[in-house]
Amino acid sequence: MTIILRRTQVINAYHSFKDMDTVTDKKELYARINQQTNDNIDIIAYVSRNEAGELLEGNVTNDYYHDIFLLKGIASHRYHGVREHRDEEIDYTDFWVLNTSSKPVWIKSSSGNCQTTQLQGHEIKLIKTDNHINFATQDLYFEY
């Protein structure tokens, strides 16, 4: 399933709050959004990008209008999701990637846990995996 988003400020379309622009720590911002939306869709990780599409170090201060989000929903939740591994449908090992930038990006896995996938600008895709993503191993990476 592929959905193309046509809005430039995608995060504002998802959720916004009064002092959102004053929060400079992205971890804090995205945790707050998860908490406030309470919609069973959580930002589980993010990749910072600038307006040119360049991937940035996590501690670089920039706006959040071009970031890439890894999302989990009810069906893909590690503990509450579909417990049976499914090759063609969503299950508890899968996740969604939302590219809020207007620039394309490729998501890749060093171990082959997921297929190399290109996301166009403002696109969201389901990423099928064989196993849960272990962020500590830095298996996933992005290229532009």
N, C-alpha and C. Protein backbone atom coordinates (compact mmCIF):
# COMPACT_ATOMS: atom_id res chain seq x y z
N MET A 1 0.85 -1.18 0.00
CA MET A 1 0.00 0.00 0.00
C MET A 1 0.89 1.23 0.00
N THR A 2 0.60 2.17 -0.87
CA THR A 2 1.34 3.42 -0.95
C THR A 2 0.37 4.58 -0.95
N ILE A 3 0.67 5.57 -0.13
CA ILE A 3 -0.15 6.77 -0.06
C ILE A 3 0.76 7.95 -0.33
N ILE A 4 0.37 8.83 -1.22
CA ILE A 4 1.14 10.04 -1.50
C ILE A 4 0.45 11.19 -0.78
N LEU A 5 1.20 11.91 0.05
CA LEU A 5 0.66 13.06 0.75
C LEU A 5 1.00 14.32 -0.02
N ARG A 6 0.05 15.19 -0.17
CA ARG A 6 0.26 16.39 -0.97
C ARG A 6 0.47 17.65 -0.15
N ARG A 7 0.59 17.56 1.14
CA ARG A 7 0.75 18.72 2.00
C ARG A 7 2.23 18.91 2.32
N THR A 8 2.71 20.14 2.33
CA THR A 8 4.13 20.37 2.58
C THR A 8 4.47 20.27 4.06
N GLN A 9 3.60 20.69 4.94
CA GLN A 9 3.89 20.61 6.36
C GLN A 9 3.12 19.43 6.95
N VAL A 10 3.56 18.24 6.62
CA VAL A 10 2.85 17.01 6.94
C VAL A 10 2.66 16.83 8.44
N ILE A 11 3.67 17.14 9.24
CA ILE A 11 3.54 16.94 10.68
C ILE A 11 2.40 17.78 11.24
N ASN A 12 2.20 18.98 10.73
CA ASN A 12 1.09 19.81 11.19
C ASN A 12 -0.25 19.21 10.78
N ALA A 13 -0.28 18.49 9.67
CA ALA A 13 -1.52 17.85 9.25
C ALA A 13 -1.85 16.70 10.20
N TYR A 14 -0.82 16.07 10.75
CA TYR A 14 -1.02 14.96 11.69
C TYR A 14 -1.40 15.48 13.07
N HIS A 15 -0.61 16.41 13.59
CA HIS A 15 -0.89 16.94 14.92
C HIS A 15 -0.08 18.22 15.13
N SER A 16 -0.66 19.16 15.80
CA SER A 16 0.08 20.36 16.20
C SER A 16 -0.49 20.85 17.53
N PHE A 17 0.30 21.59 18.24
CA PHE A 17 -0.14 22.20 19.49
C PHE A 17 0.48 23.58 19.58
N LYS A 18 -0.04 24.39 20.49
CA LYS A 18 0.25 25.81 20.55
C LYS A 18 1.74 26.16 20.53
N ASP A 19 2.55 25.58 21.40
CA ASP A 19 3.96 25.96 21.49
C ASP A 19 4.89 24.98 20.79
N MET A 20 4.39 24.30 19.78
CA MET A 20 5.15 23.27 19.08
C MET A 20 6.47 23.81 18.52
N ASP A 21 6.47 25.01 18.00
CA ASP A 21 7.68 25.59 17.41
C ASP A 21 8.76 25.92 18.44
N THR A 22 8.40 25.93 19.72
CA THR A 22 9.39 26.26 20.74
C THR A 22 10.14 25.03 21.26
N VAL A 23 9.64 23.85 20.95
CA VAL A 23 10.30 22.62 21.41
C VAL A 23 11.48 22.34 20.46
N THR A 24 12.69 22.36 21.00
CA THR A 24 13.87 22.18 20.15
C THR A 24 14.41 20.76 20.18
N ASP A 25 14.05 19.98 21.18
CA ASP A 25 14.49 18.59 21.27
C ASP A 25 13.47 17.72 20.55
N LYS A 26 13.87 17.14 19.42
CA LYS A 26 12.94 16.35 18.60
C LYS A 26 12.42 15.12 19.34
N LYS A 27 13.28 14.47 20.13
CA LYS A 27 12.81 13.31 20.90
C LYS A 27 11.65 13.72 21.80
N GLU A 28 11.81 14.84 22.46
CA GLU A 28 10.76 15.36 23.35
C GLU A 28 9.51 15.72 22.54
N LEU A 29 9.70 16.37 21.41
CA LEU A 29 8.57 16.77 20.57
C LEU A 29 7.77 15.56 20.11
N TYR A 30 8.45 14.55 19.57
CA TYR A 30 7.74 13.40 19.03
C TYR A 30 7.12 12.54 20.14
N ALA A 31 7.77 12.49 21.31
CA ALA A 31 7.17 11.79 22.45
C ALA A 31 5.90 12.51 22.89
N ARG A 32 5.95 13.82 22.88
CA ARG A 32 4.77 14.63 23.25
C ARG A 32 3.63 14.43 22.24
N ILE A 33 3.97 14.38 20.98
CA ILE A 33 2.94 14.14 19.95
C ILE A 33 2.32 12.77 20.15
N ASN A 34 3.14 11.74 20.39
CA ASN A 34 2.61 10.40 20.65
C ASN A 34 1.64 10.41 21.83
N GLN A 35 2.04 11.11 22.87
CA GLN A 35 1.23 11.16 24.08
C GLN A 35 -0.08 11.92 23.85
N GLN A 36 -0.01 13.05 23.17
CA GLN A 36 -1.19 13.88 22.98
C GLN A 36 -2.19 13.31 21.98
N THR A 37 -1.70 12.62 20.95
CA THR A 37 -2.63 12.09 19.96
C THR A 37 -3.38 10.88 20.48
N ASN A 38 -2.69 10.03 21.26
CA ASN A 38 -3.31 8.84 21.83
C ASN A 38 -4.17 8.11 20.79
N ASP A 39 -3.60 7.93 19.58
CA ASP A 39 -4.36 7.36 18.45
C ASP A 39 -3.85 5.98 18.04
N ASN A 40 -3.02 5.36 18.87
CA ASN A 40 -2.46 4.04 18.58
C ASN A 40 -1.55 4.02 17.36
N ILE A 41 -1.08 5.18 16.96
CA ILE A 41 -0.04 5.29 15.93
C ILE A 41 1.09 6.07 16.59
N ASP A 42 2.24 5.44 16.71
CA ASP A 42 3.35 6.07 17.41
C ASP A 42 4.55 6.26 16.52
N ILE A 43 5.20 7.40 16.68
CA ILE A 43 6.49 7.65 16.06
C ILE A 43 7.50 6.88 16.91
N ILE A 44 8.10 5.82 16.34
CA ILE A 44 9.04 5.01 17.12
C ILE A 44 10.49 5.41 16.87
N ALA A 45 10.73 6.10 15.77
CA ALA A 45 12.06 6.58 15.45
C ALA A 45 11.93 7.66 14.37
N TYR A 46 12.97 8.44 14.20
CA TYR A 46 12.95 9.48 13.17
C TYR A 46 14.35 9.67 12.62
N VAL A 47 14.41 10.24 11.43
CA VAL A 47 15.66 10.62 10.80
C VAL A 47 15.52 12.09 10.42
N SER A 48 16.46 12.91 10.84
CA SER A 48 16.42 14.34 10.54
C SER A 48 16.89 14.60 9.12
N ARG A 49 16.17 15.51 8.47
CA ARG A 49 16.53 15.94 7.11
C ARG A 49 16.36 17.44 7.02
N ASN A 50 17.13 18.05 6.14
CA ASN A 50 16.91 19.47 5.90
C ASN A 50 16.09 19.66 4.62
N GLU A 51 15.85 20.90 4.27
CA GLU A 51 15.00 21.22 3.12
C GLU A 51 15.57 20.68 1.81
N ALA A 52 16.90 20.55 1.72
CA ALA A 52 17.53 20.03 0.50
C ALA A 52 17.46 18.51 0.42
N GLY A 53 16.95 17.86 1.48
CA GLY A 53 16.83 16.41 1.50
C GLY A 53 18.02 15.71 2.12
N GLU A 54 19.02 16.47 2.55
CA GLU A 54 20.21 15.88 3.15
C GLU A 54 19.86 15.27 4.50
N LEU A 55 20.42 14.09 4.77
CA LEU A 55 20.23 13.43 6.05
C LEU A 55 21.17 14.06 7.06
N LEU A 56 20.66 14.34 8.25
CA LEU A 56 21.42 15.06 9.27
C LEU A 56 21.66 14.19 10.49
N GLU A 57 22.69 14.53 11.24
CA GLU A 57 22.92 13.88 12.53
C GLU A 57 21.73 14.20 13.44
N GLY A 58 21.42 13.29 14.33
CA GLY A 58 20.25 13.44 15.19
C GLY A 58 20.28 14.66 16.08
N ASN A 59 21.46 15.13 16.45
CA ASN A 59 21.54 16.26 17.37
C ASN A 59 21.62 17.61 16.65
N VAL A 60 21.52 17.64 15.33
CA VAL A 60 21.55 18.89 14.59
C VAL A 60 20.21 19.59 14.75
N THR A 61 20.27 20.86 15.11
CA THR A 61 19.04 21.64 15.28
C THR A 61 18.54 22.07 13.91
N ASN A 62 17.34 21.66 13.59
CA ASN A 62 16.69 22.10 12.35
C ASN A 62 15.20 21.91 12.55
N ASP A 63 14.40 22.34 11.60
CA ASP A 63 12.96 22.16 11.77
C ASP A 63 12.57 20.71 11.54
N TYR A 64 11.33 20.40 11.75
CA TYR A 64 10.85 19.02 11.67
C TYR A 64 9.97 18.79 10.45
N TYR A 65 9.95 19.70 9.51
CA TYR A 65 9.08 19.60 8.35
C TYR A 65 9.62 18.70 7.24
N HIS A 66 10.82 18.16 7.42
CA HIS A 66 11.44 17.35 6.37
C HIS A 66 11.89 15.98 6.89
N ASP A 67 11.54 15.66 8.11
CA ASP A 67 12.02 14.43 8.75
C ASP A 67 11.34 13.18 8.19
N ILE A 68 11.96 12.05 8.47
CA ILE A 68 11.42 10.74 8.12
C ILE A 68 10.99 10.08 9.43
N PHE A 69 9.78 9.54 9.45
CA PHE A 69 9.26 8.92 10.66
C PHE A 69 9.06 7.42 10.45
N LEU A 70 9.47 6.63 11.42
CA LEU A 70 9.13 5.22 11.47
C LEU A 70 7.97 5.12 12.44
N LEU A 71 6.87 4.52 11.98
CA LEU A 71 5.63 4.49 12.74
C LEU A 71 5.18 3.07 13.01
N LYS A 72 4.52 2.88 14.14
CA LYS A 72 3.88 1.61 14.48
C LYS A 72 2.42 1.91 14.79
N GLY A 73 1.55 1.01 14.31
CA GLY A 73 0.13 1.10 14.61
C GLY A 73 -0.31 -0.12 15.39
N ILE A 74 -1.61 -0.30 15.52
CA ILE A 74 -2.13 -1.42 16.30
C ILE A 74 -1.70 -2.76 15.71
N ALA A 75 -1.90 -2.97 14.42
CA ALA A 75 -1.59 -4.26 13.81
C ALA A 75 -0.10 -4.56 13.83
N SER A 76 0.73 -3.52 13.81
CA SER A 76 2.18 -3.73 13.77
C SER A 76 2.84 -3.57 15.14
N HIS A 77 2.04 -3.41 16.18
CA HIS A 77 2.59 -3.24 17.53
C HIS A 77 3.27 -4.52 17.99
N ARG A 78 4.42 -4.38 18.59
CA ARG A 78 5.21 -5.54 19.00
C ARG A 78 4.48 -6.46 19.98
N TYR A 79 3.71 -5.88 20.89
CA TYR A 79 3.05 -6.69 21.91
C TYR A 79 1.56 -6.91 21.65
N HIS A 80 0.91 -5.99 20.94
CA HIS A 80 -0.53 -6.09 20.74
C HIS A 80 -0.92 -6.34 19.29
N GLY A 81 0.04 -6.42 18.40
CA GLY A 81 -0.23 -6.56 16.97
C GLY A 81 -0.56 -7.98 16.55
N VAL A 82 -0.66 -8.15 15.26
CA VAL A 82 -0.95 -9.46 14.67
C VAL A 82 0.26 -10.35 14.94
N ARG A 83 0.09 -11.36 15.77
CA ARG A 83 1.21 -12.18 16.26
C ARG A 83 1.72 -13.20 15.25
N GLU A 84 0.94 -13.52 14.27
CA GLU A 84 1.34 -14.49 13.26
C GLU A 84 2.09 -13.75 12.15
N HIS A 85 3.29 -14.25 11.83
CA HIS A 85 4.07 -13.60 10.76
C HIS A 85 3.37 -13.82 9.42
N ARG A 86 3.13 -12.74 8.70
CA ARG A 86 2.44 -12.80 7.42
C ARG A 86 3.32 -12.15 6.35
N ASP A 87 3.49 -12.86 5.25
CA ASP A 87 4.32 -12.33 4.17
C ASP A 87 3.60 -11.26 3.35
N GLU A 88 2.30 -11.36 3.21
CA GLU A 88 1.55 -10.45 2.33
C GLU A 88 0.75 -9.39 3.07
N GLU A 89 0.54 -9.55 4.36
CA GLU A 89 -0.26 -8.61 5.13
C GLU A 89 0.56 -8.11 6.31
N ILE A 90 0.07 -7.06 6.94
CA ILE A 90 0.79 -6.47 8.06
C ILE A 90 0.80 -7.41 9.26
N ASP A 91 1.93 -7.41 9.97
CA ASP A 91 2.03 -8.18 11.21
C ASP A 91 2.89 -7.40 12.20
N TYR A 92 3.12 -7.99 13.36
CA TYR A 92 3.78 -7.30 14.47
C TYR A 92 5.25 -6.96 14.23
N THR A 93 5.87 -7.47 13.20
CA THR A 93 7.28 -7.14 12.92
C THR A 93 7.42 -5.96 11.96
N ASP A 94 6.33 -5.55 11.33
CA ASP A 94 6.38 -4.52 10.28
C ASP A 94 6.25 -3.11 10.86
N PHE A 95 6.52 -2.12 10.03
CA PHE A 95 6.36 -0.73 10.43
C PHE A 95 6.08 0.11 9.19
N TRP A 96 5.67 1.33 9.42
CA TRP A 96 5.40 2.30 8.35
C TRP A 96 6.53 3.31 8.33
N VAL A 97 6.86 3.82 7.16
CA VAL A 97 7.83 4.92 7.04
C VAL A 97 7.13 6.06 6.34
N LEU A 98 7.19 7.24 6.94
CA LEU A 98 6.60 8.46 6.39
C LEU A 98 7.73 9.42 6.05
N ASN A 99 7.83 9.77 4.78
CA ASN A 99 8.83 10.73 4.31
C ASN A 99 8.13 12.08 4.19
N THR A 100 8.35 12.98 5.14
CA THR A 100 7.68 14.28 5.10
C THR A 100 8.39 15.27 4.18
N SER A 101 9.56 14.92 3.71
CA SER A 101 10.32 15.76 2.80
C SER A 101 9.74 15.68 1.38
N SER A 102 10.03 16.69 0.58
CA SER A 102 9.64 16.64 -0.83
C SER A 102 10.64 15.84 -1.66
N LYS A 103 11.75 15.46 -1.05
CA LYS A 103 12.82 14.72 -1.73
C LYS A 103 12.68 13.22 -1.47
N PRO A 104 13.00 12.37 -2.45
CA PRO A 104 12.94 10.92 -2.23
C PRO A 104 14.03 10.45 -1.28
N VAL A 105 13.85 9.24 -0.76
CA VAL A 105 14.82 8.62 0.13
C VAL A 105 14.71 7.11 -0.03
N TRP A 106 15.81 6.41 0.22
CA TRP A 106 15.83 4.95 0.16
C TRP A 106 16.04 4.43 1.57
N ILE A 107 15.27 3.45 1.98
CA ILE A 107 15.47 2.77 3.25
C ILE A 107 16.10 1.42 2.94
N LYS A 108 17.16 1.10 3.69
CA LYS A 108 17.92 -0.12 3.44
C LYS A 108 18.22 -0.84 4.75
N SER A 109 18.52 -2.12 4.63
CA SER A 109 18.87 -2.94 5.79
C SER A 109 20.20 -3.63 5.51
N SER A 110 21.14 -3.50 6.43
CA SER A 110 22.44 -4.16 6.28
C SER A 110 22.31 -5.68 6.29
N SER A 111 21.35 -6.19 7.06
CA SER A 111 21.19 -7.64 7.22
C SER A 111 20.22 -8.25 6.22
N GLY A 112 19.52 -7.41 5.44
CA GLY A 112 18.51 -7.92 4.52
C GLY A 112 17.18 -8.19 5.20
N ASN A 113 16.99 -7.65 6.40
CA ASN A 113 15.75 -7.84 7.15
C ASN A 113 14.54 -7.24 6.43
N CYS A 114 14.78 -6.24 5.61
CA CYS A 114 13.71 -5.68 4.77
C CYS A 114 14.30 -5.36 3.41
N GLN A 115 13.44 -5.29 2.41
CA GLN A 115 13.89 -4.97 1.06
C GLN A 115 14.26 -3.50 0.96
N THR A 116 15.22 -3.17 0.12
CA THR A 116 15.52 -1.78 -0.17
C THR A 116 14.29 -1.17 -0.82
N THR A 117 13.85 -0.04 -0.28
CA THR A 117 12.61 0.58 -0.73
C THR A 117 12.82 2.07 -0.93
N GLN A 118 12.34 2.60 -2.04
CA GLN A 118 12.39 4.04 -2.26
C GLN A 118 11.07 4.65 -1.87
N LEU A 119 11.14 5.76 -1.16
CA LEU A 119 9.96 6.56 -0.83
C LEU A 119 10.08 7.87 -1.55
N GLN A 120 9.07 8.21 -2.30
CA GLN A 120 9.03 9.51 -2.95
C GLN A 120 8.76 10.58 -1.89
N GLY A 121 8.85 11.83 -2.28
CA GLY A 121 8.54 12.92 -1.36
C GLY A 121 7.10 12.83 -0.90
N HIS A 122 6.88 13.07 0.39
CA HIS A 122 5.55 13.08 1.01
C HIS A 122 4.82 11.76 0.84
N GLU A 123 5.56 10.66 0.97
CA GLU A 123 4.96 9.35 0.78
C GLU A 123 5.06 8.52 2.06
N ILE A 124 4.11 7.64 2.27
CA ILE A 124 4.14 6.70 3.38
C ILE A 124 4.01 5.29 2.81
N LYS A 125 4.83 4.37 3.36
CA LYS A 125 4.79 2.98 2.89
C LYS A 125 4.92 2.04 4.08
N LEU A 126 4.29 0.88 3.92
CA LEU A 126 4.46 -0.20 4.87
C LEU A 126 5.76 -0.92 4.52
N ILE A 127 6.60 -1.14 5.51
CA ILE A 127 7.86 -1.86 5.33
C ILE A 127 7.70 -3.23 5.98
N LYS A 128 7.75 -4.26 5.16
CA LYS A 128 7.65 -5.64 5.63
C LYS A 128 9.03 -6.09 6.08
N THR A 129 9.09 -6.72 7.24
CA THR A 129 10.35 -7.23 7.76
C THR A 129 10.21 -8.70 8.14
N ASP A 130 11.33 -9.37 8.17
CA ASP A 130 11.35 -10.76 8.62
C ASP A 130 11.35 -10.84 10.14
N ASN A 131 12.02 -9.88 10.78
CA ASN A 131 12.16 -9.83 12.24
C ASN A 131 11.98 -8.39 12.70
N HIS A 132 11.79 -8.23 14.00
CA HIS A 132 11.72 -6.89 14.56
C HIS A 132 13.02 -6.14 14.26
N ILE A 133 12.89 -4.86 14.05
CA ILE A 133 14.07 -4.02 13.85
C ILE A 133 14.73 -3.77 15.20
N ASN A 134 16.00 -4.07 15.28
CA ASN A 134 16.77 -3.80 16.48
C ASN A 134 17.57 -2.53 16.21
N PHE A 135 17.11 -1.41 16.75
CA PHE A 135 17.75 -0.13 16.47
C PHE A 135 19.17 -0.06 17.02
N ALA A 136 19.46 -0.82 18.07
CA ALA A 136 20.80 -0.81 18.65
C ALA A 136 21.84 -1.36 17.67
N THR A 137 21.44 -2.26 16.78
CA THR A 137 22.39 -2.83 15.82
C THR A 137 22.61 -1.92 14.62
N GLN A 138 21.83 -0.87 14.50
CA GLN A 138 21.93 0.07 13.39
C GLN A 138 21.80 -0.63 12.04
N ASP A 139 20.89 -1.59 11.99
CA ASP A 139 20.66 -2.36 10.77
C ASP A 139 20.01 -1.52 9.68
N LEU A 140 19.09 -0.66 10.06
CA LEU A 140 18.42 0.20 9.07
C LEU A 140 19.26 1.43 8.79
N TYR A 141 19.26 1.85 7.53
CA TYR A 141 19.89 3.11 7.18
C TYR A 141 19.18 3.72 5.98
N PHE A 142 19.38 4.98 5.79
CA PHE A 142 18.72 5.73 4.73
C PHE A 142 19.75 6.36 3.81
N GLU A 143 19.42 6.47 2.53
CA GLU A 143 20.27 7.16 1.55
C GLU A 143 19.37 8.07 0.73
N TYR A 144 19.96 9.15 0.23
CA TYR A 144 19.21 10.04 -0.66
C TYR A 144 20.04 10.34 -1.88
